[in-house]
């Protein structure tokens, strides 16, 4: 069971990270809030329980990981591919 819908700002607050303006806008552009439908290939959604960022494709997971790896997060979060 996956629950929750963390926003970019909530991720920053929960993990003590501050994204650059450019990265924050990129994240907002690629965020999919509705996961009652399958994630699009270039979209992400952050669940609260468990803490996991789901992506719509392996390629986008790699792109997201590359961008997020520039930042020092306090705590751990997973990135997973979620497709049917």
PDB file of N, CA and C in Angstrom:
ATOM      1  N   UNK A   1       0.835  -1.169   0.000  1.00  0.00           N
ATOM      2  CA  UNK A   1       0.000   0.000   0.000  1.00  0.00           C
ATOM      3  C   UNK A   1       0.885   1.239   0.000  1.00  0.00           C
ATOM      4  N   UNK A   2       0.563   2.186  -0.858  1.00  0.00           N
ATOM      5  CA  UNK A   2       1.302   3.436  -0.970  1.00  0.00           C
ATOM      6  C   UNK A   2       0.348   4.584  -0.651  1.00  0.00           C
ATOM      7  N   UNK A   3       0.776   5.470   0.242  1.00  0.00           N
ATOM      8  CA  UNK A   3      -0.068   6.586   0.665  1.00  0.00           C
ATOM      9  C   UNK A   3       0.699   7.894   0.614  1.00  0.00           C
ATOM     10  N   UNK A   4      -0.008   8.968   0.331  1.00  0.00           N
ATOM     11  CA  UNK A   4       0.583  10.293   0.435  1.00  0.00           C
ATOM     12  C   UNK A   4       0.958  10.903  -0.891  1.00  0.00           C
ATOM     13  N   UNK A   5       1.263  12.196  -0.817  1.00  0.00           N
ATOM     14  CA  UNK A   5       1.532  12.975  -2.011  1.00  0.00           C
ATOM     15  C   UNK A   5       2.381  14.178  -1.604  1.00  0.00           C
ATOM     16  N   UNK A   6       3.683  13.956  -1.393  1.00  0.00           N
ATOM     17  CA  UNK A   6       4.557  15.044  -0.959  1.00  0.00           C
ATOM     18  C   UNK A   6       4.873  15.990  -2.114  1.00  0.00           C
ATOM     19  N   UNK A   7       4.747  17.281  -1.843  1.00  0.00           N
ATOM     20  CA  UNK A   7       5.089  18.310  -2.823  1.00  0.00           C
ATOM     21  C   UNK A   7       6.602  18.557  -2.800  1.00  0.00           C
ATOM     22  N   UNK A   8       7.067  19.337  -3.734  1.00  0.00           N
ATOM     23  CA  UNK A   8       8.484  19.701  -3.776  1.00  0.00           C
ATOM     24  C   UNK A   8       8.868  20.412  -2.478  1.00  0.00           C
ATOM     25  N   UNK A   9       8.034  21.347  -2.030  1.00  0.00           N
ATOM     26  CA  UNK A   9       8.313  22.085  -0.799  1.00  0.00           C
ATOM     27  C   UNK A   9       8.318  21.178   0.422  1.00  0.00           C
ATOM     28  N   UNK A  10       7.423  20.204   0.465  1.00  0.00           N
ATOM     29  CA  UNK A  10       7.404  19.261   1.583  1.00  0.00           C
ATOM     30  C   UNK A  10       8.651  18.385   1.584  1.00  0.00           C
ATOM     31  N   UNK A  11       9.120  17.993   0.419  1.00  0.00           N
ATOM     32  CA  UNK A  11      10.355  17.209   0.327  1.00  0.00           C
ATOM     33  C   UNK A  11      11.515  18.039   0.867  1.00  0.00           C
ATOM     34  N   UNK A  12      11.582  19.312   0.479  1.00  0.00           N
ATOM     35  CA  UNK A  12      12.647  20.188   0.978  1.00  0.00           C
ATOM     36  C   UNK A  12      12.598  20.261   2.507  1.00  0.00           C
ATOM     37  N   UNK A  13      11.427  20.460   3.059  1.00  0.00           N
ATOM     38  CA  UNK A  13      11.272  20.589   4.509  1.00  0.00           C
ATOM     39  C   UNK A  13      11.604  19.288   5.229  1.00  0.00           C
ATOM     40  N   UNK A  14      11.063  18.176   4.753  1.00  0.00           N
ATOM     41  CA  UNK A  14      11.259  16.876   5.397  1.00  0.00           C
ATOM     42  C   UNK A  14      12.708  16.406   5.358  1.00  0.00           C
ATOM     43  N   UNK A  15      13.421  16.760   4.297  1.00  0.00           N
ATOM     44  CA  UNK A  15      14.781  16.263   4.104  1.00  0.00           C
ATOM     45  C   UNK A  15      15.858  17.319   4.266  1.00  0.00           C
ATOM     46  N   UNK A  16      15.466  18.518   4.706  1.00  0.00           N
ATOM     47  CA  UNK A  16      16.452  19.566   4.969  1.00  0.00           C
ATOM     48  C   UNK A  16      17.285  19.920   3.762  1.00  0.00           C
ATOM     49  N   UNK A  17      16.656  19.980   2.615  1.00  0.00           N
ATOM     50  CA  UNK A  17      17.356  20.261   1.364  1.00  0.00           C
ATOM     51  C   UNK A  17      16.711  21.482   0.723  1.00  0.00           C
ATOM     52  N   UNK A  18      17.510  22.258  -0.010  1.00  0.00           N
ATOM     53  CA  UNK A  18      16.968  23.399  -0.729  1.00  0.00           C
ATOM     54  C   UNK A  18      17.385  23.291  -2.187  1.00  0.00           C
ATOM     55  N   UNK A  19      16.419  23.041  -3.045  1.00  0.00           N
ATOM     56  CA  UNK A  19      16.688  22.905  -4.473  1.00  0.00           C
ATOM     57  C   UNK A  19      16.929  24.273  -5.100  1.00  0.00           C
ATOM     58  N   UNK A  20      17.744  24.299  -6.122  1.00  0.00           N
ATOM     59  CA  UNK A  20      17.926  25.541  -6.877  1.00  0.00           C
ATOM     60  C   UNK A  20      16.589  25.890  -7.528  1.00  0.00           C
ATOM     61  N   UNK A  21      16.432  27.147  -7.900  1.00  0.00           N
ATOM     62  CA  UNK A  21      15.200  27.589  -8.555  1.00  0.00           C
ATOM     63  C   UNK A  21      14.946  26.780  -9.813  1.00  0.00           C
ATOM     64  N   UNK A  22      15.995  26.557 -10.580  1.00  0.00           N
ATOM     65  CA  UNK A  22      15.876  25.795 -11.828  1.00  0.00           C
ATOM     66  C   UNK A  22      15.421  24.363 -11.557  1.00  0.00           C
ATOM     67  N   UNK A  23      16.052  23.701 -10.587  1.00  0.00           N
ATOM     68  CA  UNK A  23      15.690  22.317 -10.279  1.00  0.00           C
ATOM     69  C   UNK A  23      14.291  22.232  -9.678  1.00  0.00           C
ATOM     70  N   UNK A  24      13.931  23.206  -8.851  1.00  0.00           N
ATOM     71  CA  UNK A  24      12.594  23.210  -8.251  1.00  0.00           C
ATOM     72  C   UNK A  24      11.532  23.326  -9.349  1.00  0.00           C
ATOM     73  N   UNK A  25      11.744  24.185 -10.316  1.00  0.00           N
ATOM     74  CA  UNK A  25      10.786  24.337 -11.413  1.00  0.00           C
ATOM     75  C   UNK A  25      10.718  23.061 -12.253  1.00  0.00           C
ATOM     76  N   UNK A  26      11.865  22.441 -12.481  1.00  0.00           N
ATOM     77  CA  UNK A  26      11.909  21.187 -13.239  1.00  0.00           C
ATOM     78  C   UNK A  26      11.117  20.113 -12.503  1.00  0.00           C
ATOM     79  N   UNK A  27      11.340  20.015 -11.190  1.00  0.00           N
ATOM     80  CA  UNK A  27      10.602  19.025 -10.394  1.00  0.00           C
ATOM     81  C   UNK A  27       9.099  19.275 -10.453  1.00  0.00           C
ATOM     82  N   UNK A  28       8.705  20.530 -10.328  1.00  0.00           N
ATOM     83  CA  UNK A  28       7.274  20.857 -10.366  1.00  0.00           C
ATOM     84  C   UNK A  28       6.665  20.528 -11.730  1.00  0.00           C
ATOM     85  N   UNK A  29       7.418  20.772 -12.788  1.00  0.00           N
ATOM     86  CA  UNK A  29       6.936  20.479 -14.139  1.00  0.00           C
ATOM     87  C   UNK A  29       6.712  18.985 -14.337  1.00  0.00           C
ATOM     88  N   UNK A  30       7.547  18.171 -13.723  1.00  0.00           N
ATOM     89  CA  UNK A  30       7.492  16.719 -13.934  1.00  0.00           C
ATOM     90  C   UNK A  30       6.727  15.968 -12.841  1.00  0.00           C
ATOM     91  N   UNK A  31       6.148  16.675 -11.899  1.00  0.00           N
ATOM     92  CA  UNK A  31       5.408  16.029 -10.810  1.00  0.00           C
ATOM     93  C   UNK A  31       4.005  15.660 -11.271  1.00  0.00           C
ATOM     94  N   UNK A  32       3.611  14.439 -10.995  1.00  0.00           N
ATOM     95  CA  UNK A  32       2.250  13.985 -11.291  1.00  0.00           C
ATOM     96  C   UNK A  32       1.552  13.766  -9.957  1.00  0.00           C
ATOM     97  N   UNK A  33       0.512  14.547  -9.700  1.00  0.00           N
ATOM     98  CA  UNK A  33      -0.175  14.448  -8.411  1.00  0.00           C
ATOM     99  C   UNK A  33      -1.183  13.309  -8.375  1.00  0.00           C
ATOM    100  N   UNK A  34      -1.776  12.988  -9.500  1.00  0.00           N
ATOM    101  CA  UNK A  34      -2.809  11.958  -9.558  1.00  0.00           C
ATOM    102  C   UNK A  34      -2.184  10.620  -9.932  1.00  0.00           C
ATOM    103  N   UNK A  35      -2.172   9.703  -8.990  1.00  0.00           N
ATOM    104  CA  UNK A  35      -1.634   8.375  -9.304  1.00  0.00           C
ATOM    105  C   UNK A  35      -2.730   7.318  -9.346  1.00  0.00           C
ATOM    106  N   UNK A  36      -3.976   7.779  -9.470  1.00  0.00           N
ATOM    107  CA  UNK A  36      -5.040   6.816  -9.726  1.00  0.00           C
ATOM    108  C   UNK A  36      -4.988   6.384 -11.189  1.00  0.00           C
ATOM    109  N   UNK A  37      -4.180   7.094 -11.969  1.00  0.00           N
ATOM    110  CA  UNK A  37      -3.866   6.703 -13.340  1.00  0.00           C
ATOM    111  C   UNK A  37      -2.364   6.397 -13.386  1.00  0.00           C
ATOM    112  N   UNK A  38      -1.919   5.589 -14.341  1.00  0.00           N
ATOM    113  CA  UNK A  38      -0.486   5.259 -14.395  1.00  0.00           C
ATOM    114  C   UNK A  38       0.384   6.511 -14.539  1.00  0.00           C
ATOM    115  N   UNK A  39       1.565   6.464 -13.932  1.00  0.00           N
ATOM    116  CA  UNK A  39       2.513   7.567 -14.075  1.00  0.00           C
ATOM    117  C   UNK A  39       2.965   7.672 -15.524  1.00  0.00           C
ATOM    118  N   UNK A  40       3.002   8.908 -16.019  1.00  0.00           N
ATOM    119  CA  UNK A  40       3.535   9.127 -17.357  1.00  0.00           C
ATOM    120  C   UNK A  40       5.039   8.853 -17.318  1.00  0.00           C
ATOM    121  N   UNK A  41       5.623   8.563 -18.470  1.00  0.00           N
ATOM    122  CA  UNK A  41       7.035   8.164 -18.537  1.00  0.00           C
ATOM    123  C   UNK A  41       7.993   9.194 -17.975  1.00  0.00           C
ATOM    124  N   UNK A  42       7.655  10.493 -18.085  1.00  0.00           N
ATOM    125  CA  UNK A  42       8.564  11.544 -17.613  1.00  0.00           C
ATOM    126  C   UNK A  42       8.013  12.258 -16.381  1.00  0.00           C
ATOM    127  N   UNK A  43       7.306  11.515 -15.528  1.00  0.00           N
ATOM    128  CA  UNK A  43       6.704  12.088 -14.324  1.00  0.00           C
ATOM    129  C   UNK A  43       7.149  11.324 -13.079  1.00  0.00           C
ATOM    130  N   UNK A  44       7.008  12.008 -11.930  1.00  0.00           N
ATOM    131  CA  UNK A  44       7.324  11.409 -10.638  1.00  0.00           C
ATOM    132  C   UNK A  44       6.212  11.747  -9.656  1.00  0.00           C
ATOM    133  N   UNK A  45       6.155  10.966  -8.584  1.00  0.00           N
ATOM    134  CA  UNK A  45       5.215  11.184  -7.487  1.00  0.00           C
ATOM    135  C   UNK A  45       5.917  10.718  -6.225  1.00  0.00           C
ATOM    136  N   UNK A  46       5.835  11.505  -5.151  1.00  0.00           N
ATOM    137  CA  UNK A  46       6.491  11.123  -3.903  1.00  0.00           C
ATOM    138  C   UNK A  46       5.440  10.687  -2.882  1.00  0.00           C
ATOM    139  N   UNK A  47       5.498   9.436  -2.515  1.00  0.00           N
ATOM    140  CA  UNK A  47       4.608   8.887  -1.499  1.00  0.00           C
ATOM    141  C   UNK A  47       5.197   9.165  -0.121  1.00  0.00           C
ATOM    142  N   UNK A  48       4.310   9.333   0.849  1.00  0.00           N
ATOM    143  CA  UNK A  48       4.712   9.555   2.234  1.00  0.00           C
ATOM    144  C   UNK A  48       4.942   8.230   2.948  1.00  0.00           C
ATOM    145  N   UNK A  49       4.097   7.252   2.667  1.00  0.00           N
ATOM    146  CA  UNK A  49       4.196   5.939   3.313  1.00  0.00           C
ATOM    147  C   UNK A  49       4.145   4.878   2.224  1.00  0.00           C
ATOM    148  N   UNK A  50       5.204   4.147   1.999  1.00  0.00           N
ATOM    149  CA  UNK A  50       6.552   4.414   2.482  1.00  0.00           C
ATOM    150  C   UNK A  50       7.159   5.576   1.700  1.00  0.00           C
ATOM    151  N   UNK A  51       8.232   6.124   2.217  1.00  0.00           N
ATOM    152  CA  UNK A  51       8.905   7.246   1.552  1.00  0.00           C
ATOM    153  C   UNK A  51       9.587   6.739   0.294  1.00  0.00           C
ATOM    154  N   UNK A  52       8.946   6.986  -0.816  1.00  0.00           N
ATOM    155  CA  UNK A  52       9.494   6.551  -2.096  1.00  0.00           C
ATOM    156  C   UNK A  52       9.055   7.535  -3.173  1.00  0.00           C
ATOM    157  N   UNK A  53       9.985   7.879  -4.047  1.00  0.00           N
ATOM    158  CA  UNK A  53       9.664   8.662  -5.229  1.00  0.00           C
ATOM    159  C   UNK A  53       9.465   7.659  -6.359  1.00  0.00           C
ATOM    160  N   UNK A  54       8.261   7.628  -6.892  1.00  0.00           N
ATOM    161  CA  UNK A  54       7.945   6.724  -7.988  1.00  0.00           C
ATOM    162  C   UNK A  54       8.101   7.475  -9.301  1.00  0.00           C
ATOM    163  N   UNK A  55       8.642   6.799 -10.300  1.00  0.00           N
ATOM    164  CA  UNK A  55       8.803   7.382 -11.632  1.00  0.00           C
ATOM    165  C   UNK A  55       8.096   6.507 -12.648  1.00  0.00           C
ATOM    166  N   UNK A  56       7.831   7.085 -13.818  1.00  0.00           N
ATOM    167  CA  UNK A  56       7.105   6.363 -14.848  1.00  0.00           C
ATOM    168  C   UNK A  56       7.963   5.556 -15.802  1.00  0.00           C
ATOM    169  N   UNK A  57       9.290   5.694 -15.708  1.00  0.00           N
ATOM    170  CA  UNK A  57      10.167   4.934 -16.608  1.00  0.00           C
ATOM    171  C   UNK A  57      11.570   4.848 -16.010  1.00  0.00           C
ATOM    172  N   UNK A  58      12.308   3.882 -16.488  1.00  0.00           N
ATOM    173  CA  UNK A  58      13.693   3.708 -16.044  1.00  0.00           C
ATOM    174  C   UNK A  58      14.551   4.900 -16.467  1.00  0.00           C
ATOM    175  N   UNK A  59      14.341   5.391 -17.673  1.00  0.00           N
ATOM    176  CA  UNK A  59      15.118   6.522 -18.169  1.00  0.00           C
ATOM    177  C   UNK A  59      14.888   7.761 -17.315  1.00  0.00           C
ATOM    178  N   UNK A  60      13.622   8.005 -16.945  1.00  0.00           N
ATOM    179  CA  UNK A  60      13.324   9.174 -16.131  1.00  0.00           C
ATOM    180  C   UNK A  60      13.839   8.988 -14.702  1.00  0.00           C
ATOM    181  N   UNK A  61      13.784   7.773 -14.194  1.00  0.00           N
ATOM    182  CA  UNK A  61      14.368   7.502 -12.873  1.00  0.00           C
ATOM    183  C   UNK A  61      15.835   7.886 -12.858  1.00  0.00           C
ATOM    184  N   UNK A  62      16.560   7.515 -13.904  1.00  0.00           N
ATOM    185  CA  UNK A  62      17.983   7.832 -13.989  1.00  0.00           C
ATOM    186  C   UNK A  62      18.206   9.345 -14.064  1.00  0.00           C
ATOM    187  N   UNK A  63      17.375  10.044 -14.832  1.00  0.00           N
ATOM    188  CA  UNK A  63      17.483  11.498 -14.957  1.00  0.00           C
ATOM    189  C   UNK A  63      17.195  12.175 -13.609  1.00  0.00           C
ATOM    190  N   UNK A  64      16.156  11.721 -12.933  1.00  0.00           N
ATOM    191  CA  UNK A  64      15.794  12.275 -11.631  1.00  0.00           C
ATOM    192  C   UNK A  64      16.891  12.004 -10.601  1.00  0.00           C
ATOM    193  N   UNK A  65      17.403  10.780 -10.592  1.00  0.00           N
ATOM    194  CA  UNK A  65      18.485  10.436  -9.664  1.00  0.00           C
ATOM    195  C   UNK A  65      19.703  11.336  -9.888  1.00  0.00           C
ATOM    196  N   UNK A  66      20.053  11.550 -11.137  1.00  0.00           N
ATOM    197  CA  UNK A  66      21.208  12.396 -11.461  1.00  0.00           C
ATOM    198  C   UNK A  66      21.007  13.811 -10.912  1.00  0.00           C
ATOM    199  N   UNK A  67      19.805  14.344 -11.056  1.00  0.00           N
ATOM    200  CA  UNK A  67      19.523  15.692 -10.570  1.00  0.00           C
ATOM    201  C   UNK A  67      19.533  15.719  -9.035  1.00  0.00           C
ATOM    202  N   UNK A  68      18.876  14.765  -8.395  1.00  0.00           N
ATOM    203  CA  UNK A  68      18.787  14.758  -6.929  1.00  0.00           C
ATOM    204  C   UNK A  68      20.123  14.471  -6.256  1.00  0.00           C
ATOM    205  N   UNK A  69      21.005  13.753  -6.937  1.00  0.00           N
ATOM    206  CA  UNK A  69      22.286  13.369  -6.326  1.00  0.00           C
ATOM    207  C   UNK A  69      23.204  14.565  -6.084  1.00  0.00           C
ATOM    208  N   UNK A  70      22.861  15.732  -6.603  1.00  0.00           N
ATOM    209  CA  UNK A  70      23.643  16.950  -6.360  1.00  0.00           C
ATOM    210  C   UNK A  70      23.399  17.493  -4.952  1.00  0.00           C
ATOM    211  N   UNK A  71      22.360  17.002  -4.291  1.00  0.00           N
ATOM    212  CA  UNK A  71      21.933  17.562  -3.007  1.00  0.00           C
ATOM    213  C   UNK A  71      22.193  16.591  -1.866  1.00  0.00           C
ATOM    214  N   UNK A  72      22.408  17.162  -0.676  1.00  0.00           N
ATOM    215  CA  UNK A  72      22.604  16.358   0.534  1.00  0.00           C
ATOM    216  C   UNK A  72      21.277  16.261   1.283  1.00  0.00           C
ATOM    217  N   UNK A  73      20.666  15.104   1.227  1.00  0.00           N
ATOM    218  CA  UNK A  73      19.414  14.859   1.920  1.00  0.00           C
ATOM    219  C   UNK A  73      19.703  14.386   3.341  1.00  0.00           C
ATOM    220  N   UNK A  74      18.898  14.827   4.296  1.00  0.00           N
ATOM    221  CA  UNK A  74      18.963  14.311   5.661  1.00  0.00           C
ATOM    222  C   UNK A  74      17.958  13.176   5.740  1.00  0.00           C
ATOM    223  N   UNK A  75      18.464  11.965   5.819  1.00  0.00           N
ATOM    224  CA  UNK A  75      17.591  10.800   5.802  1.00  0.00           C
ATOM    225  C   UNK A  75      17.686  10.097   4.460  1.00  0.00           C
ATOM    226  N   UNK A  76      16.871   9.081   4.323  1.00  0.00           N
ATOM    227  CA  UNK A  76      16.915   8.269   3.109  1.00  0.00           C
ATOM    228  C   UNK A  76      15.560   8.287   2.421  1.00  0.00           C
ATOM    229  N   UNK A  77      15.615   8.205   1.117  1.00  0.00           N
ATOM    230  CA  UNK A  77      14.413   8.092   0.303  1.00  0.00           C
ATOM    231  C   UNK A  77      14.755   7.193  -0.876  1.00  0.00           C
ATOM    232  N   UNK A  78      13.800   6.398  -1.286  1.00  0.00           N
ATOM    233  CA  UNK A  78      13.999   5.493  -2.420  1.00  0.00           C
ATOM    234  C   UNK A  78      13.448   6.121  -3.685  1.00  0.00           C
ATOM    235  N   UNK A  79      14.000   5.722  -4.803  1.00  0.00           N
ATOM    236  CA  UNK A  79      13.447   6.067  -6.107  1.00  0.00           C
ATOM    237  C   UNK A  79      13.140   4.751  -6.798  1.00  0.00           C
ATOM    238  N   UNK A  80      11.900   4.602  -7.247  1.00  0.00           N
ATOM    239  CA  UNK A  80      11.478   3.352  -7.859  1.00  0.00           C
ATOM    240  C   UNK A  80      10.736   3.632  -9.149  1.00  0.00           C
ATOM    241  N   UNK A  81      10.682   2.622 -10.004  1.00  0.00           N
ATOM    242  CA  UNK A  81       9.914   2.701 -11.229  1.00  0.00           C
ATOM    243  C   UNK A  81       8.541   2.095 -10.953  1.00  0.00           C
ATOM    244  N   UNK A  82       7.513   2.838 -11.324  1.00  0.00           N
ATOM    245  CA  UNK A  82       6.154   2.360 -11.088  1.00  0.00           C
ATOM    246  C   UNK A  82       5.405   2.376 -12.414  1.00  0.00           C
ATOM    247  N   UNK A  83       5.306   1.224 -13.030  1.00  0.00           N
ATOM    248  CA  UNK A  83       4.542   1.125 -14.276  1.00  0.00           C
ATOM    249  C   UNK A  83       3.771  -0.182 -14.279  1.00  0.00           C
ATOM    250  N   UNK A  84       2.744  -0.220 -15.080  1.00  0.00           N
ATOM    251  CA  UNK A  84       1.874  -1.406 -15.121  1.00  0.00           C
ATOM    252  C   UNK A  84       2.521  -2.554 -15.856  1.00  0.00           C
TER     253      UNK A  84
END
